[in-house]
Amino acid sequence: MTKLGYLIKTDSRAAILIESKKGKFKLDELQGYVGGYIERIQVQWMGTPADMIVNEDRNARPMSGFGRIHGLPLNRVASEIARTMIVGDVVLLRKGAW
């Protein structure tokens, strides 16, 4: 069964519906969307627990500046959902989609 998710790009106010090509989303697929190694953040989205898959660069320490390692821009939409600063493109998935 194909799983669906949402790609939230830094340059957009809209989420793009994406479909896993392999049933559940696989690591290499998610890394392709976020542009590198991934980190999972648990969030509430539309009243439902969800996983936000982000580039691990979002954890760059404040001294070096968020996203400075790879020069990723702030993702305002994802930051609002996660209630913390998020950089780079992210994938939003319902629990169990990967």
N, C-alpha and C. Protein backbone atom coordinates (compact mmCIF):
# COMPACT_ATOMS: atom_id res chain seq x y z
N MET A 1 0.84 -1.18 0.00
CA MET A 1 0.00 0.00 0.00
C MET A 1 0.89 1.25 0.00
N THR A 2 0.64 2.14 -0.90
CA THR A 2 1.42 3.37 -1.03
C THR A 2 1.10 4.32 0.11
N LYS A 3 2.13 4.98 0.63
CA LYS A 3 1.96 5.96 1.70
C LYS A 3 2.11 7.37 1.13
N LEU A 4 1.40 8.30 1.73
CA LEU A 4 1.44 9.69 1.31
C LEU A 4 2.08 10.54 2.40
N GLY A 5 2.70 11.61 1.99
CA GLY A 5 3.27 12.57 2.91
C GLY A 5 3.21 13.95 2.29
N TYR A 6 3.76 14.92 2.98
CA TYR A 6 3.77 16.29 2.49
C TYR A 6 5.19 16.83 2.52
N LEU A 7 5.61 17.40 1.42
CA LEU A 7 6.90 18.06 1.32
C LEU A 7 6.67 19.54 1.56
N ILE A 8 7.35 20.09 2.56
CA ILE A 8 7.24 21.51 2.86
C ILE A 8 8.58 22.14 2.53
N LYS A 9 8.62 22.87 1.42
CA LYS A 9 9.86 23.49 0.94
C LYS A 9 10.03 24.86 1.58
N THR A 10 11.27 25.29 1.69
CA THR A 10 11.55 26.57 2.34
C THR A 10 11.01 27.75 1.55
N ASP A 11 10.85 27.61 0.25
CA ASP A 11 10.43 28.73 -0.59
C ASP A 11 8.94 28.73 -0.91
N SER A 12 8.16 28.02 -0.09
CA SER A 12 6.74 27.91 -0.39
C SER A 12 5.91 28.00 0.88
N ARG A 13 4.70 28.49 0.75
CA ARG A 13 3.76 28.52 1.87
C ARG A 13 2.82 27.32 1.81
N ALA A 14 2.97 26.48 0.78
CA ALA A 14 2.08 25.34 0.60
C ALA A 14 2.83 24.03 0.77
N ALA A 15 2.13 23.01 1.22
CA ALA A 15 2.70 21.67 1.32
C ALA A 15 2.39 20.93 0.02
N ILE A 16 3.38 20.20 -0.49
CA ILE A 16 3.22 19.44 -1.73
C ILE A 16 2.98 17.98 -1.38
N LEU A 17 1.90 17.41 -1.87
CA LEU A 17 1.58 16.01 -1.61
C LEU A 17 2.59 15.13 -2.33
N ILE A 18 3.21 14.20 -1.59
CA ILE A 18 4.17 13.27 -2.19
C ILE A 18 3.73 11.85 -1.90
N GLU A 19 4.17 10.94 -2.76
CA GLU A 19 3.79 9.54 -2.64
C GLU A 19 5.04 8.69 -2.62
N SER A 20 5.09 7.73 -1.69
CA SER A 20 6.23 6.83 -1.64
C SER A 20 6.20 5.90 -2.84
N LYS A 21 7.33 5.72 -3.46
CA LYS A 21 7.42 4.84 -4.62
C LYS A 21 7.64 3.39 -4.20
N LYS A 22 7.86 3.17 -2.90
CA LYS A 22 8.24 1.84 -2.42
C LYS A 22 7.32 1.32 -1.32
N GLY A 23 6.07 1.72 -1.29
CA GLY A 23 5.18 1.33 -0.20
C GLY A 23 5.33 2.32 0.94
N LYS A 24 6.11 1.95 1.95
CA LYS A 24 6.45 2.89 3.01
C LYS A 24 7.65 3.72 2.55
N PHE A 25 7.78 4.92 3.09
CA PHE A 25 8.92 5.76 2.76
C PHE A 25 10.19 5.11 3.30
N LYS A 26 11.21 5.04 2.47
CA LYS A 26 12.50 4.45 2.83
C LYS A 26 13.51 5.56 3.12
N LEU A 27 14.58 5.20 3.83
CA LEU A 27 15.59 6.16 4.23
C LEU A 27 16.15 6.96 3.05
N ASP A 28 16.53 6.27 1.99
CA ASP A 28 17.13 6.98 0.84
C ASP A 28 16.15 7.96 0.20
N GLU A 29 14.89 7.60 0.21
CA GLU A 29 13.85 8.47 -0.35
C GLU A 29 13.72 9.75 0.49
N LEU A 30 13.68 9.59 1.82
CA LEU A 30 13.54 10.74 2.71
C LEU A 30 14.79 11.62 2.66
N GLN A 31 15.97 10.99 2.58
CA GLN A 31 17.20 11.77 2.47
C GLN A 31 17.20 12.61 1.20
N GLY A 32 16.65 12.08 0.13
CA GLY A 32 16.56 12.82 -1.12
C GLY A 32 15.69 14.06 -0.99
N TYR A 33 14.60 13.94 -0.27
CA TYR A 33 13.70 15.09 -0.09
C TYR A 33 14.32 16.19 0.77
N VAL A 34 15.04 15.80 1.85
CA VAL A 34 15.57 16.82 2.76
C VAL A 34 17.02 17.19 2.46
N GLY A 35 17.65 16.48 1.53
CA GLY A 35 18.98 16.84 1.09
C GLY A 35 20.12 16.42 2.01
N GLY A 36 19.99 15.29 2.67
CA GLY A 36 21.08 14.82 3.51
C GLY A 36 20.60 13.87 4.59
N TYR A 37 21.43 13.71 5.61
CA TYR A 37 21.05 12.84 6.73
C TYR A 37 19.79 13.39 7.39
N ILE A 38 18.99 12.48 7.92
CA ILE A 38 17.69 12.90 8.46
C ILE A 38 17.64 12.82 9.98
N GLU A 39 16.69 13.55 10.50
CA GLU A 39 16.33 13.49 11.91
C GLU A 39 14.81 13.53 11.97
N ARG A 40 14.23 12.77 12.89
CA ARG A 40 12.77 12.75 13.06
C ARG A 40 12.39 13.62 14.26
N ILE A 41 11.41 14.47 14.05
CA ILE A 41 10.85 15.28 15.13
C ILE A 41 9.38 14.91 15.25
N GLN A 42 8.95 14.58 16.45
CA GLN A 42 7.54 14.27 16.67
C GLN A 42 6.77 15.58 16.85
N VAL A 43 5.70 15.73 16.07
CA VAL A 43 4.89 16.95 16.12
C VAL A 43 3.42 16.58 16.17
N GLN A 44 2.61 17.57 16.50
CA GLN A 44 1.16 17.46 16.38
C GLN A 44 0.78 18.25 15.14
N TRP A 45 0.07 17.63 14.24
CA TRP A 45 -0.33 18.31 13.02
C TRP A 45 -1.79 18.02 12.76
N MET A 46 -2.58 19.07 12.73
CA MET A 46 -4.04 18.97 12.55
C MET A 46 -4.64 18.00 13.59
N GLY A 47 -4.13 18.10 14.82
CA GLY A 47 -4.66 17.30 15.92
C GLY A 47 -4.23 15.85 15.93
N THR A 48 -3.26 15.49 15.09
CA THR A 48 -2.82 14.11 14.97
C THR A 48 -1.31 14.04 15.17
N PRO A 49 -0.82 13.02 15.90
CA PRO A 49 0.64 12.85 16.00
C PRO A 49 1.23 12.57 14.62
N ALA A 50 2.34 13.22 14.33
CA ALA A 50 2.99 13.06 13.03
C ALA A 50 4.50 13.11 13.21
N ASP A 51 5.22 12.65 12.19
CA ASP A 51 6.68 12.73 12.17
C ASP A 51 7.10 13.77 11.15
N MET A 52 7.92 14.70 11.59
CA MET A 52 8.52 15.67 10.68
C MET A 52 9.95 15.20 10.43
N ILE A 53 10.26 14.92 9.18
CA ILE A 53 11.59 14.47 8.80
C ILE A 53 12.36 15.68 8.31
N VAL A 54 13.45 15.99 9.00
CA VAL A 54 14.24 17.18 8.70
C VAL A 54 15.68 16.80 8.41
N ASN A 55 16.40 17.70 7.77
CA ASN A 55 17.83 17.53 7.59
C ASN A 55 18.46 17.70 8.97
N GLU A 56 19.35 16.80 9.37
CA GLU A 56 19.92 16.87 10.71
C GLU A 56 20.68 18.17 10.97
N ASP A 57 20.97 18.92 9.94
CA ASP A 57 21.65 20.21 10.08
C ASP A 57 20.83 21.19 10.89
N ARG A 58 19.57 20.93 11.09
CA ARG A 58 18.73 21.85 11.85
C ARG A 58 19.21 21.94 13.30
N ASN A 59 20.04 21.00 13.71
CA ASN A 59 20.56 21.01 15.08
C ASN A 59 21.88 21.74 15.22
N ALA A 60 22.32 22.45 14.19
CA ALA A 60 23.56 23.22 14.31
C ALA A 60 23.44 24.13 15.53
N ARG A 61 24.47 24.21 16.31
CA ARG A 61 24.43 25.00 17.54
C ARG A 61 24.29 26.49 17.24
N PRO A 62 23.59 27.22 18.11
CA PRO A 62 23.38 28.65 17.88
C PRO A 62 24.66 29.44 17.63
N MET A 63 25.79 29.01 18.22
CA MET A 63 27.04 29.75 18.01
C MET A 63 27.43 29.75 16.53
N SER A 64 27.12 28.64 15.84
CA SER A 64 27.46 28.59 14.41
C SER A 64 26.30 29.04 13.55
N GLY A 65 25.13 29.20 14.17
CA GLY A 65 23.95 29.64 13.44
C GLY A 65 23.20 28.45 12.87
N PHE A 66 21.89 28.44 13.00
CA PHE A 66 21.08 27.34 12.49
C PHE A 66 21.25 27.22 10.98
N GLY A 67 21.47 26.02 10.52
CA GLY A 67 21.57 25.76 9.09
C GLY A 67 22.85 26.23 8.45
N ARG A 68 23.81 26.63 9.24
CA ARG A 68 25.04 27.19 8.67
C ARG A 68 25.96 26.12 8.08
N ILE A 69 25.88 24.91 8.60
CA ILE A 69 26.77 23.86 8.11
C ILE A 69 26.56 23.67 6.61
N HIS A 70 25.31 23.59 6.19
CA HIS A 70 24.99 23.39 4.78
C HIS A 70 24.32 24.62 4.17
N GLY A 71 24.25 25.71 4.91
CA GLY A 71 23.66 26.94 4.39
C GLY A 71 22.17 26.82 4.12
N LEU A 72 21.46 26.04 4.92
CA LEU A 72 20.02 25.85 4.69
C LEU A 72 19.22 27.04 5.20
N PRO A 73 18.24 27.48 4.41
CA PRO A 73 17.42 28.62 4.83
C PRO A 73 16.33 28.20 5.82
N LEU A 74 15.84 29.16 6.56
CA LEU A 74 14.76 28.94 7.51
C LEU A 74 13.51 28.45 6.77
N ASN A 75 12.84 27.47 7.36
CA ASN A 75 11.57 26.98 6.83
C ASN A 75 10.48 27.47 7.79
N ARG A 76 9.85 28.56 7.42
CA ARG A 76 8.87 29.20 8.31
C ARG A 76 7.65 28.33 8.58
N VAL A 77 7.14 27.66 7.57
CA VAL A 77 5.94 26.82 7.75
C VAL A 77 6.26 25.66 8.70
N ALA A 78 7.37 24.97 8.45
CA ALA A 78 7.76 23.85 9.30
C ALA A 78 8.06 24.32 10.72
N SER A 79 8.67 25.48 10.85
CA SER A 79 8.97 26.03 12.18
C SER A 79 7.69 26.30 12.96
N GLU A 80 6.65 26.79 12.29
CA GLU A 80 5.37 27.03 12.95
C GLU A 80 4.75 25.72 13.43
N ILE A 81 4.81 24.69 12.60
CA ILE A 81 4.24 23.39 12.98
C ILE A 81 5.02 22.77 14.14
N ALA A 82 6.35 22.80 14.07
CA ALA A 82 7.19 22.16 15.08
C ALA A 82 7.36 23.00 16.34
N ARG A 83 7.04 24.28 16.24
CA ARG A 83 7.20 25.22 17.35
C ARG A 83 8.66 25.34 17.80
N THR A 84 9.54 25.20 16.82
CA THR A 84 10.97 25.42 17.02
C THR A 84 11.57 25.77 15.67
N MET A 85 12.77 26.31 15.67
CA MET A 85 13.38 26.72 14.41
C MET A 85 13.77 25.51 13.57
N ILE A 86 13.29 25.48 12.34
CA ILE A 86 13.59 24.40 11.39
C ILE A 86 14.18 25.03 10.13
N VAL A 87 15.23 24.42 9.60
CA VAL A 87 15.82 24.90 8.36
C VAL A 87 15.73 23.80 7.30
N GLY A 88 15.73 24.22 6.05
CA GLY A 88 15.71 23.27 4.95
C GLY A 88 14.32 22.71 4.67
N ASP A 89 14.23 21.96 3.59
CA ASP A 89 12.98 21.30 3.21
C ASP A 89 12.71 20.16 4.18
N VAL A 90 11.43 19.90 4.46
CA VAL A 90 11.06 18.83 5.38
C VAL A 90 9.95 17.98 4.76
N VAL A 91 9.81 16.79 5.30
CA VAL A 91 8.71 15.90 4.93
C VAL A 91 7.87 15.67 6.18
N LEU A 92 6.57 15.80 6.03
CA LEU A 92 5.64 15.58 7.13
C LEU A 92 4.88 14.30 6.84
N LEU A 93 4.93 13.34 7.78
CA LEU A 93 4.32 12.03 7.59
C LEU A 93 3.43 11.67 8.77
N ARG A 94 2.37 10.96 8.48
CA ARG A 94 1.58 10.37 9.56
C ARG A 94 2.40 9.25 10.17
N LYS A 95 2.14 8.95 11.43
CA LYS A 95 2.85 7.86 12.11
C LYS A 95 2.69 6.58 11.29
N GLY A 96 3.78 5.83 11.17
CA GLY A 96 3.75 4.55 10.47
C GLY A 96 3.96 4.62 8.98
N ALA A 97 4.24 5.80 8.45
CA ALA A 97 4.41 5.92 6.99
C ALA A 97 5.84 5.62 6.56
N TRP A 98 6.71 5.31 7.52
CA TRP A 98 8.10 4.99 7.17
C TRP A 98 8.67 4.00 8.14
